[in-house]
Amino acid sequence: MKNRFKIVFISGKLGDVDGVSLEVEKWIEILTDEGHEIYAIAGKFSNNLKSVPEKNRLLIDDISFDSPHQHEYEQMVFPFLNKFQVYISEEKLKAAAEDMNHKSSYIADSIFDFIQRNSIDVIVAQNTNAMPMTLLGGLAVYKLCSEKRIATIFHHHDFWWERSRFVNSAIEGILSKTMPPQIPGIEHVVLSSYASHILRSIKRVHPRIIPNCEDFDNPVAIDDYNSDFRKELGFREDDILVIQPTRIVQRKRIEDSVRFVGKLGMRYPDIIRRLHLIISLYQGDEPDLNYIAQIKALADDYEVPLHFISDRVASAREITTDGTKMYTNRDVLANADFVTYLPIWEGFGNALLEAIAAKVPVVTSTYLVYKTDIRIHDFNMIEVPDAYNENNALIIPDEGLDQIYDVLTKPELRRKMVEHNFRVAKQHFSYDILKDCLIKLFDDYSYEILASRKKIQKSREEFSV
């Protein structure tokens, strides 16, 4: 890169095991290696974000996904999130919009003060203006780039119109204006060609595509730290560990993973007593206790041993104060016999790449972005077509069950499959690819960033007077 910048990442949360947090960590690692100085602002630092020094961080509780203000606004403006289906008057909705505007201005001022004090050059907004899960954060970032004219890169992972719970909202005008905004002098980044097409069509902006990537030069494998995973969690060496490496969110379609494992056991009774389905991550930012109950009931119906292990999984390896060993999702995958990844929708597929890097066979649905941006690279996956029956259950063909049984019982077949997928993924989704994309992004946007630097410097001088 020609220039070195002070870059601040802003998100509702950072340092967690969700896809946004994981991808931010990768960007931070590469940008730090390239000589940039990194700062971070979040409503919550789930695991302390060790890649950014504490002096370079700012915690703003009001922009977290689970802040009281966020919950209050969600119940008022998104009908599908209104638990009690209470009618909200126009006066209350108007008052809520005014409250959001007032509070977001205060937050924008706090962020701007942090930017001034640290001479920060550019904002990288992580999904703040694509998904309304931090309304105050998104509005604050919008004001910073539209009113203060601070150079801003919007990294969009998915969009609000793709989630049914955010449609028919009472703040359609606010969402259309700010999520994402159409402002000259800002940069948009999306994960896939599909997202690029949609953003061009709906917003008439021209984003650049930077896909999710993975560190294939330092892939996860069995080592001294994670080799005791099975023993620690009570599994036998000959157990078949089927990993669902995702959060518990309805669009992940975990019920279809339960059905897949159940049908596999029924079709091949010789392995039925060894099968275990493990969900590695926690309930996501779309809580639904009924969904967990449904998954458990379905697992009972199919006699699938189901294990929730999120209390043993963190974003980084650590030993807790009580001596409990915490594993990363990559450690879990290193111990997997195969992975189920059957979402109905994904922005890209971080967990898919992690599984490939761990050299684990993957059973995947052919969700949209998989078809447009991943399958084209000639992977050797076990695919389940995204076709659903009248009960909204994924149709699981016998062919997929037969394929995974062959992989489980024929070591050489498994080896060839995972090695092939590893080579293909490394070619198209490695850190080298991400590094090249980020260098080009910041070089191409450098004139706007340098202009923003001058504005911030001038504002500091005026403020100091």
Protein backbone atom coordinates (compact mmCIF):
# COMPACT_ATOMS: atom_id res chain seq x y z
CA MET A 1 0.00 0.00 0.00
CA LYS A 2 1.22 3.50 -0.80
CA ASN A 3 -0.14 5.09 2.38
CA ARG A 4 -0.50 4.06 6.00
CA PHE A 5 -3.74 5.02 7.70
CA LYS A 6 -5.39 5.06 11.09
CA ILE A 7 -8.48 2.89 10.60
CA VAL A 8 -11.41 2.50 12.99
CA PHE A 9 -13.75 -0.49 12.75
CA ILE A 10 -17.29 0.13 14.00
CA SER A 11 -19.79 -2.63 14.76
CA GLY A 12 -22.54 -3.55 17.18
CA LYS A 13 -20.20 -6.20 18.55
CA LEU A 14 -16.68 -7.42 17.92
CA GLY A 15 -14.49 -10.24 19.17
CA ASP A 16 -17.21 -12.88 18.93
CA VAL A 17 -17.57 -16.10 16.93
CA ASP A 18 -20.17 -14.80 14.44
CA GLY A 19 -19.21 -14.32 10.80
CA VAL A 20 -18.88 -10.54 10.98
CA SER A 21 -16.56 -10.65 13.99
CA LEU A 22 -14.41 -13.38 12.45
CA GLU A 23 -14.06 -11.54 9.17
CA VAL A 24 -13.18 -8.30 10.97
CA GLU A 25 -10.36 -10.13 12.78
CA LYS A 26 -8.97 -11.23 9.42
CA TRP A 27 -9.11 -7.70 8.00
CA ILE A 28 -7.44 -6.33 11.14
CA GLU A 29 -4.65 -8.91 10.97
CA ILE A 30 -3.83 -8.14 7.36
CA LEU A 31 -4.15 -4.36 7.67
CA THR A 32 -1.95 -4.38 10.77
CA ASP A 33 0.68 -6.40 8.91
CA GLU A 34 0.52 -3.78 6.14
CA GLY A 35 1.46 -1.05 8.62
CA HIS A 36 -1.91 0.52 9.38
CA GLU A 37 -2.92 1.46 12.93
CA ILE A 38 -6.22 -0.11 13.97
CA TYR A 39 -8.90 1.19 16.32
CA ALA A 40 -12.26 -0.33 17.21
CA ILE A 41 -15.63 0.95 18.40
CA ALA A 42 -18.36 -1.48 19.43
CA GLY A 43 -21.38 -1.89 21.64
CA LYS A 44 -19.83 -5.06 22.99
CA PHE A 45 -16.37 -6.63 22.89
CA SER A 46 -17.32 -10.24 23.47
CA ASN A 47 -13.82 -11.60 23.99
CA ASN A 48 -11.82 -8.41 24.42
CA LEU A 49 -10.71 -8.19 20.76
CA LYS A 50 -7.09 -8.98 21.58
CA SER A 51 -5.90 -7.83 18.16
CA VAL A 52 -6.65 -4.19 19.10
CA PRO A 53 -4.99 -2.64 22.18
CA GLU A 54 -7.35 -1.42 24.88
CA LYS A 55 -6.18 2.18 24.40
CA ASN A 56 -7.40 1.97 20.80
CA ARG A 57 -10.90 0.80 21.71
CA LEU A 58 -14.11 2.61 22.57
CA LEU A 59 -17.12 0.87 24.10
CA ILE A 60 -20.52 2.45 23.41
CA ASP A 61 -23.20 0.36 25.09
CA ASP A 62 -26.04 2.00 23.17
CA ILE A 63 -24.93 0.58 19.83
CA SER A 64 -24.90 -3.06 20.98
CA PHE A 65 -27.39 -5.50 19.48
CA ASP A 66 -28.98 -6.15 22.85
CA SER A 67 -29.06 -2.63 24.27
CA PRO A 68 -32.33 -1.53 25.94
CA HIS A 69 -32.80 1.15 23.28
CA GLN A 70 -32.37 -1.37 20.44
CA HIS A 71 -34.92 -3.74 21.99
CA GLU A 72 -37.38 -0.89 22.52
CA TYR A 73 -37.07 0.33 18.93
CA GLU A 74 -37.35 -3.19 17.50
CA GLN A 75 -40.61 -3.85 19.34
CA MET A 76 -42.03 -0.58 18.04
CA VAL A 77 -40.93 -0.44 14.42
CA PHE A 78 -40.67 -4.08 13.30
CA PRO A 79 -44.10 -5.79 13.46
CA PHE A 80 -42.68 -9.33 13.35
CA LEU A 81 -40.57 -8.60 16.44
CA ASN A 82 -43.49 -7.21 18.44
CA LYS A 83 -43.96 -10.07 20.88
CA PHE A 84 -47.42 -9.05 22.00
CA GLN A 85 -48.66 -7.60 18.69
CA VAL A 86 -49.43 -4.30 20.38
CA TYR A 87 -50.72 -1.49 18.18
CA ILE A 88 -48.27 1.42 18.06
CA SER A 89 -49.80 4.81 17.31
CA GLU A 90 -48.39 7.18 14.71
CA GLU A 91 -47.52 9.62 17.48
CA LYS A 92 -45.41 7.00 19.28
CA LEU A 93 -43.68 5.99 16.06
CA LYS A 94 -42.87 9.61 15.30
CA ALA A 95 -41.56 10.08 18.84
CA ALA A 96 -39.41 6.94 18.45
CA ALA A 97 -37.94 8.26 15.18
CA GLU A 98 -37.14 11.59 16.85
CA ASP A 99 -35.58 9.75 19.78
CA MET A 100 -33.40 7.70 17.44
CA ASN A 101 -32.33 10.84 15.65
CA HIS A 102 -31.43 12.61 18.91
CA LYS A 103 -29.57 9.69 20.49
CA SER A 104 -27.71 8.82 17.29
CA SER A 105 -26.50 12.44 17.04
CA TYR A 106 -25.09 12.17 20.54
CA ILE A 107 -23.37 8.88 19.63
CA ALA A 108 -22.02 10.38 16.39
CA ASP A 109 -20.53 13.24 18.43
CA SER A 110 -18.89 10.74 20.81
CA ILE A 111 -17.41 8.81 17.90
CA PHE A 112 -16.25 12.00 16.21
CA ASP A 113 -14.53 13.06 19.42
CA PHE A 114 -12.72 9.70 19.51
CA ILE A 115 -11.75 10.16 15.85
CA GLN A 116 -10.43 13.67 16.51
CA ARG A 117 -8.46 12.71 19.60
CA ASN A 118 -6.77 9.82 17.79
CA SER A 119 -6.40 11.49 14.36
CA ILE A 120 -8.24 8.60 12.72
CA ASP A 121 -8.39 8.73 8.93
CA VAL A 122 -11.16 6.36 7.88
CA ILE A 123 -14.13 4.41 9.23
CA VAL A 124 -14.80 0.79 8.27
CA ALA A 125 -18.45 0.20 9.20
CA GLN A 126 -19.13 -3.51 9.67
CA ASN A 127 -22.74 -4.25 8.70
CA THR A 128 -23.95 -1.21 10.68
CA ASN A 129 -25.74 0.13 7.60
CA ALA A 130 -26.92 -3.10 6.07
CA MET A 131 -28.76 -4.80 8.94
CA PRO A 132 -30.82 -2.75 11.48
CA MET A 133 -29.55 -4.62 14.52
CA THR A 134 -27.81 -1.51 15.78
CA LEU A 135 -30.14 1.27 14.68
CA LEU A 136 -28.35 3.94 16.69
CA GLY A 137 -24.97 2.75 15.43
CA GLY A 138 -26.10 2.79 11.82
CA LEU A 139 -27.64 6.26 12.09
CA ALA A 140 -24.52 7.57 13.83
CA VAL A 141 -22.22 6.27 11.09
CA TYR A 142 -24.56 7.72 8.46
CA LYS A 143 -24.28 11.14 10.10
CA LEU A 144 -20.51 10.91 10.31
CA CYS A 145 -20.10 10.24 6.60
CA SER A 146 -22.92 12.52 5.37
CA GLU A 147 -22.52 15.50 7.72
CA LYS A 148 -18.89 15.32 8.88
CA ARG A 149 -17.77 13.92 5.52
CA ILE A 150 -15.47 11.38 7.12
CA ALA A 151 -14.10 8.80 4.69
CA THR A 152 -16.15 5.64 5.23
CA ILE A 153 -15.97 2.12 3.88
CA PHE A 154 -19.18 0.16 4.38
CA HIS A 155 -18.57 -3.58 4.61
CA HIS A 156 -21.96 -5.20 4.03
CA HIS A 157 -22.35 -8.87 5.00
CA ASP A 158 -26.10 -9.16 4.34
CA PHE A 159 -29.07 -6.82 3.95
CA TRP A 160 -32.22 -6.07 5.93
CA TRP A 161 -34.56 -6.76 3.01
CA GLU A 162 -33.30 -10.36 3.00
CA ARG A 163 -34.76 -11.01 6.48
CA SER A 164 -38.51 -11.39 6.82
CA ARG A 165 -38.51 -10.02 10.36
CA PHE A 166 -37.40 -6.61 9.11
CA VAL A 167 -39.90 -6.19 6.26
CA ASN A 168 -43.01 -3.98 6.44
CA SER A 169 -41.32 -1.86 9.09
CA ALA A 170 -42.54 1.47 10.39
CA ILE A 171 -39.22 3.09 9.48
CA GLU A 172 -38.99 2.13 5.82
CA GLY A 173 -37.91 5.65 4.94
CA ILE A 174 -35.04 5.63 7.44
CA LEU A 175 -33.85 2.21 6.31
CA SER A 176 -34.03 3.17 2.63
CA LYS A 177 -32.03 6.34 3.27
CA THR A 178 -29.34 4.98 5.56
CA MET A 179 -29.07 1.20 5.06
CA PRO A 180 -27.03 1.45 3.01
CA PRO A 181 -26.71 5.15 2.12
CA GLN A 182 -26.17 6.60 -1.34
CA ILE A 183 -23.61 9.30 -0.67
CA PRO A 184 -20.77 10.44 -2.94
CA GLY A 185 -17.30 9.78 -1.63
CA ILE A 186 -17.99 6.57 0.29
CA GLU A 187 -17.02 3.02 -0.57
CA HIS A 188 -19.20 -0.10 -0.47
CA VAL A 189 -17.87 -3.66 -0.10
CA VAL A 190 -19.99 -6.81 -0.43
CA LEU A 191 -19.21 -10.51 -0.15
CA SER A 192 -20.60 -11.92 -3.40
CA SER A 193 -21.50 -11.23 -7.01
CA TYR A 194 -25.16 -11.73 -6.05
CA ALA A 195 -24.96 -9.02 -3.37
CA SER A 196 -23.19 -6.74 -5.84
CA HIS A 197 -25.96 -7.24 -8.38
CA ILE A 198 -28.68 -6.53 -5.81
CA LEU A 199 -26.98 -3.40 -4.51
CA ARG A 200 -26.47 -2.09 -8.02
CA SER A 201 -30.11 -2.76 -8.86
CA ILE A 202 -31.71 -1.41 -5.69
CA LYS A 203 -29.33 1.36 -4.65
CA ARG A 204 -27.61 2.23 -7.93
CA VAL A 205 -24.23 2.06 -6.22
CA HIS A 206 -21.24 0.10 -7.46
CA PRO A 207 -19.72 -2.00 -4.69
CA ARG A 208 -16.55 -4.00 -4.91
CA ILE A 209 -16.58 -7.70 -4.03
CA ILE A 210 -14.31 -9.05 -1.31
CA PRO A 211 -15.34 -12.62 -0.45
CA ASN A 212 -14.94 -14.30 2.91
CA CYS A 213 -11.44 -15.76 3.15
CA GLU A 214 -9.59 -18.20 5.37
CA ASP A 215 -5.99 -18.72 6.51
CA PHE A 216 -5.01 -21.75 4.44
CA ASP A 217 -1.31 -21.19 5.17
CA ASN A 218 -1.96 -21.95 8.84
CA PRO A 219 -4.85 -24.42 8.67
CA VAL A 220 -6.38 -25.95 11.71
CA ALA A 221 -5.31 -29.51 12.52
CA ILE A 222 -5.11 -31.88 15.46
CA ASP A 223 -2.41 -30.60 17.80
CA ASP A 224 -1.39 -30.76 21.46
CA TYR A 225 -4.14 -28.30 22.44
CA ASN A 226 -7.19 -29.79 20.74
CA SER A 227 -6.25 -33.47 20.64
CA ASP A 228 -8.15 -34.05 23.89
CA PHE A 229 -11.41 -32.57 22.57
CA ARG A 230 -13.25 -35.88 22.38
CA LYS A 231 -12.15 -36.94 25.83
CA GLU A 232 -12.89 -33.53 27.36
CA LEU A 233 -16.45 -33.54 26.04
CA GLY A 234 -17.16 -37.19 26.73
CA PHE A 235 -16.98 -38.74 23.25
CA ARG A 236 -15.35 -42.05 22.32
CA GLU A 237 -12.62 -42.29 19.71
CA ASP A 238 -14.85 -44.30 17.35
CA ASP A 239 -17.82 -41.93 17.66
CA ILE A 240 -18.77 -40.18 14.42
CA LEU A 241 -18.85 -36.47 15.24
CA VAL A 242 -21.10 -34.53 12.90
CA ILE A 243 -20.47 -30.82 13.42
CA GLN A 244 -22.99 -28.06 12.79
CA PRO A 245 -20.42 -25.22 13.03
CA THR A 246 -22.90 -22.36 13.27
CA ARG A 247 -24.92 -20.29 15.66
CA ILE A 248 -28.47 -21.44 16.41
CA VAL A 249 -30.39 -19.32 13.94
CA GLN A 250 -33.43 -20.40 11.95
CA ARG A 251 -31.94 -19.58 8.55
CA LYS A 252 -29.15 -22.07 9.32
CA ARG A 253 -31.86 -24.79 9.06
CA ILE A 254 -30.41 -26.94 11.84
CA GLU A 255 -33.57 -29.06 11.74
CA ASP A 256 -32.47 -30.25 8.29
CA SER A 257 -29.10 -31.27 9.70
CA VAL A 258 -30.97 -33.32 12.33
CA ARG A 259 -33.00 -35.00 9.60
CA PHE A 260 -29.89 -35.70 7.55
CA VAL A 261 -28.11 -37.41 10.43
CA GLY A 262 -31.29 -39.28 11.41
CA LYS A 263 -31.84 -40.56 7.88
CA LEU A 264 -28.18 -41.51 7.58
CA GLY A 265 -28.47 -43.68 10.70
CA MET A 266 -31.67 -45.33 9.47
CA ARG A 267 -30.16 -46.08 6.07
CA TYR A 268 -26.92 -47.43 7.55
CA PRO A 269 -27.69 -49.17 10.88
CA ASP A 270 -24.05 -50.21 11.27
CA ILE A 271 -23.12 -46.64 12.23
CA ILE A 272 -26.32 -45.47 13.92
CA ARG A 273 -24.99 -45.89 17.49
CA ARG A 274 -21.85 -43.91 16.72
CA LEU A 275 -23.48 -40.80 15.25
CA HIS A 276 -23.50 -37.59 17.30
CA LEU A 277 -24.69 -34.19 16.05
CA ILE A 278 -22.81 -31.31 17.72
CA ILE A 279 -23.92 -27.68 17.48
CA SER A 280 -20.80 -25.71 18.27
CA LEU A 281 -22.00 -22.14 18.65
CA TYR A 282 -24.56 -20.27 20.71
CA GLN A 283 -28.06 -19.06 19.97
CA GLY A 284 -27.60 -16.11 17.64
CA ASP A 285 -28.73 -12.53 17.61
CA GLU A 286 -32.17 -13.70 16.50
CA PRO A 287 -33.27 -15.46 19.72
CA ASP A 288 -36.11 -17.96 19.54
CA LEU A 289 -36.41 -20.45 22.38
CA ASN A 290 -39.16 -22.26 20.48
CA TYR A 291 -36.65 -23.02 17.73
CA ILE A 292 -34.29 -24.76 20.15
CA ALA A 293 -37.20 -26.76 21.55
CA GLN A 294 -38.20 -27.78 18.01
CA ILE A 295 -34.66 -28.94 17.23
CA LYS A 296 -34.51 -30.99 20.44
CA ALA A 297 -37.91 -32.56 19.78
CA LEU A 298 -36.94 -33.46 16.23
CA ALA A 299 -33.67 -35.00 17.42
CA ASP A 300 -35.66 -37.12 19.87
CA ASP A 301 -37.99 -38.24 17.07
CA TYR A 302 -35.04 -39.28 14.90
CA GLU A 303 -33.10 -40.66 17.89
CA VAL A 304 -30.15 -38.41 17.08
CA PRO A 305 -27.85 -37.63 20.04
CA LEU A 306 -27.72 -33.83 20.05
CA HIS A 307 -25.01 -31.84 21.84
CA PHE A 308 -24.87 -28.09 22.48
CA ILE A 309 -21.28 -27.12 23.30
CA SER A 310 -21.20 -23.33 22.95
CA ASP A 311 -20.10 -23.05 26.58
CA ARG A 312 -16.79 -24.66 25.53
CA VAL A 313 -16.22 -22.62 22.35
CA ALA A 314 -14.72 -19.12 22.16
CA SER A 315 -13.13 -16.90 19.53
CA ALA A 316 -9.66 -17.72 20.90
CA ARG A 317 -8.10 -20.58 22.85
CA GLU A 318 -7.99 -19.98 26.57
CA ILE A 319 -8.14 -21.63 29.97
CA THR A 320 -10.78 -20.03 32.18
CA THR A 321 -10.18 -19.08 35.80
CA ASP A 322 -11.83 -22.33 36.93
CA GLY A 323 -9.50 -24.38 34.71
CA THR A 324 -11.95 -25.07 31.87
CA LYS A 325 -10.33 -25.39 28.47
CA MET A 326 -12.00 -23.30 25.76
CA TYR A 327 -11.73 -24.41 22.15
CA THR A 328 -12.18 -22.38 18.98
CA ASN A 329 -14.65 -23.41 16.29
CA ARG A 330 -11.63 -24.44 14.24
CA ASP A 331 -10.54 -26.80 17.03
CA VAL A 332 -13.99 -28.37 16.96
CA LEU A 333 -13.78 -28.79 13.18
CA ALA A 334 -10.35 -30.42 13.46
CA ASN A 335 -12.07 -33.22 15.37
CA ALA A 336 -15.03 -33.55 13.01
CA ASP A 337 -15.83 -36.60 10.90
CA PHE A 338 -18.03 -34.49 8.67
CA VAL A 339 -19.85 -31.16 8.68
CA THR A 340 -23.49 -30.36 7.98
CA TYR A 341 -24.04 -26.93 6.46
CA LEU A 342 -27.56 -26.69 5.11
CA PRO A 343 -28.66 -23.04 5.34
CA ILE A 344 -31.53 -21.63 3.34
CA TRP A 345 -29.64 -18.34 3.14
CA GLU A 346 -26.10 -17.11 3.81
CA GLY A 347 -24.27 -13.90 2.98
CA PHE A 348 -21.36 -16.10 1.94
CA GLY A 349 -20.28 -19.04 4.10
CA ASN A 350 -17.55 -18.47 6.67
CA ALA A 351 -18.14 -21.79 8.40
CA LEU A 352 -17.98 -23.57 5.05
CA LEU A 353 -14.49 -22.21 4.41
CA GLU A 354 -13.41 -23.08 7.95
CA ALA A 355 -14.50 -26.68 7.41
CA ILE A 356 -12.64 -26.87 4.11
CA ALA A 357 -9.51 -25.45 5.74
CA ALA A 358 -9.82 -28.12 8.46
CA LYS A 359 -9.94 -30.76 5.71
CA VAL A 360 -13.35 -32.05 6.72
CA PRO A 361 -15.96 -33.44 4.30
CA VAL A 362 -18.94 -31.09 3.97
CA VAL A 363 -22.60 -31.79 3.30
CA THR A 364 -23.99 -28.50 2.03
CA SER A 365 -27.24 -27.18 0.67
CA THR A 366 -27.04 -25.34 -2.62
CA TYR A 367 -28.06 -21.99 -1.14
CA LEU A 368 -28.04 -19.02 -3.49
CA VAL A 369 -24.58 -17.54 -2.89
CA TYR A 370 -23.09 -21.05 -2.89
CA LYS A 371 -24.44 -21.45 -6.42
CA THR A 372 -23.33 -18.03 -7.66
CA ASP A 373 -19.90 -17.64 -6.05
CA ILE A 374 -18.62 -20.92 -4.60
CA ARG A 375 -19.76 -23.89 -6.67
CA ILE A 376 -18.30 -22.31 -9.82
CA HIS A 377 -14.80 -23.15 -8.55
CA ASP A 378 -15.24 -26.91 -8.98
CA PHE A 379 -15.37 -28.02 -5.35
CA ASN A 380 -16.11 -31.64 -4.53
CA MET A 381 -18.90 -31.20 -2.00
CA ILE A 382 -21.74 -33.48 -1.04
CA GLU A 383 -24.61 -31.31 -2.19
CA VAL A 384 -28.23 -31.39 -1.12
CA PRO A 385 -30.27 -29.34 -3.63
CA ASP A 386 -32.22 -26.47 -2.07
CA ALA A 387 -35.61 -28.08 -2.66
CA TYR A 388 -38.24 -28.23 0.09
CA ASN A 389 -41.41 -30.29 0.49
CA GLU A 390 -44.90 -29.16 1.44
CA ASN A 391 -43.90 -29.19 5.12
CA ASN A 392 -40.97 -26.83 4.41
CA ALA A 393 -38.44 -29.59 5.09
CA LEU A 394 -35.35 -29.94 2.94
CA ILE A 395 -35.70 -32.93 0.62
CA ILE A 396 -32.75 -35.20 1.42
CA PRO A 397 -31.99 -37.58 -1.46
CA ASP A 398 -30.56 -41.03 -0.78
CA GLU A 399 -27.63 -40.17 -3.02
CA GLY A 400 -26.31 -37.67 -0.47
CA LEU A 401 -26.59 -40.24 2.33
CA ASP A 402 -24.74 -42.81 0.24
CA GLN A 403 -22.00 -40.33 -0.62
CA ILE A 404 -21.25 -39.42 2.99
CA TYR A 405 -21.33 -43.07 4.05
CA ASP A 406 -18.72 -43.85 1.40
CA VAL A 407 -16.57 -40.96 2.66
CA LEU A 408 -16.88 -42.19 6.26
CA THR A 409 -15.95 -45.79 5.40
CA LYS A 410 -13.33 -45.24 2.69
CA PRO A 411 -10.35 -43.25 4.04
CA GLU A 412 -8.69 -42.77 0.66
CA LEU A 413 -11.90 -41.36 -0.85
CA ARG A 414 -12.13 -38.93 2.06
CA ARG A 415 -8.49 -37.90 1.70
CA LYS A 416 -8.84 -37.13 -2.01
CA MET A 417 -12.04 -35.14 -1.44
CA VAL A 418 -10.73 -32.91 1.35
CA GLU A 419 -7.32 -32.36 -0.26
CA HIS A 420 -8.97 -31.31 -3.52
CA ASN A 421 -11.32 -28.90 -1.76
CA PHE A 422 -8.44 -27.46 0.27
CA ARG A 423 -6.42 -26.73 -2.89
CA VAL A 424 -9.37 -25.10 -4.66
CA ALA A 425 -10.31 -22.95 -1.67
CA LYS A 426 -6.71 -21.85 -1.11
CA GLN A 427 -6.54 -20.71 -4.71
CA HIS A 428 -9.70 -18.59 -4.53
CA PHE A 429 -10.35 -17.70 -0.86
CA SER A 430 -6.96 -17.45 0.86
CA TYR A 431 -5.43 -14.64 2.90
CA ASP A 432 -3.35 -13.77 -0.18
CA ILE A 433 -6.58 -13.04 -2.05
CA LEU A 434 -7.88 -10.96 0.84
CA LYS A 435 -4.59 -9.08 1.14
CA ASP A 436 -4.63 -8.17 -2.57
CA CYS A 437 -8.26 -7.01 -2.29
CA LEU A 438 -7.56 -4.84 0.77
CA ILE A 439 -4.45 -3.27 -0.74
CA LYS A 440 -6.42 -2.31 -3.83
CA LEU A 441 -9.38 -1.07 -1.76
CA PHE A 442 -7.30 1.32 0.36
CA ASP A 443 -5.11 2.43 -2.54
CA ASP A 444 -8.14 3.21 -4.72
CA TYR A 445 -9.87 5.03 -1.88
CA SER A 446 -6.74 6.82 -0.65
CA TYR A 447 -7.62 10.23 -2.14
CA GLU A 448 -10.88 10.35 -0.19
CA ILE A 449 -9.10 9.15 2.95
CA LEU A 450 -6.37 11.78 2.64
CA ALA A 451 -8.99 14.49 2.10
CA SER A 452 -10.81 13.24 5.20
CA ARG A 453 -7.54 13.36 7.12
CA LYS A 454 -7.18 17.06 6.31
CA LYS A 455 -10.74 17.80 7.42
CA ILE A 456 -10.21 16.02 10.72
CA GLN A 457 -6.89 17.78 11.28
CA LYS A 458 -8.54 21.13 10.59
CA SER A 459 -11.40 20.33 12.97
CA ARG A 460 -8.87 19.44 15.69
CA GLU A 461 -7.11 22.74 15.24
CA GLU A 462 -10.39 24.65 15.40
CA PHE A 463 -11.48 22.66 18.45
CA SER A 464 -8.18 23.28 20.25
CA VAL A 465 -8.56 27.01 19.75
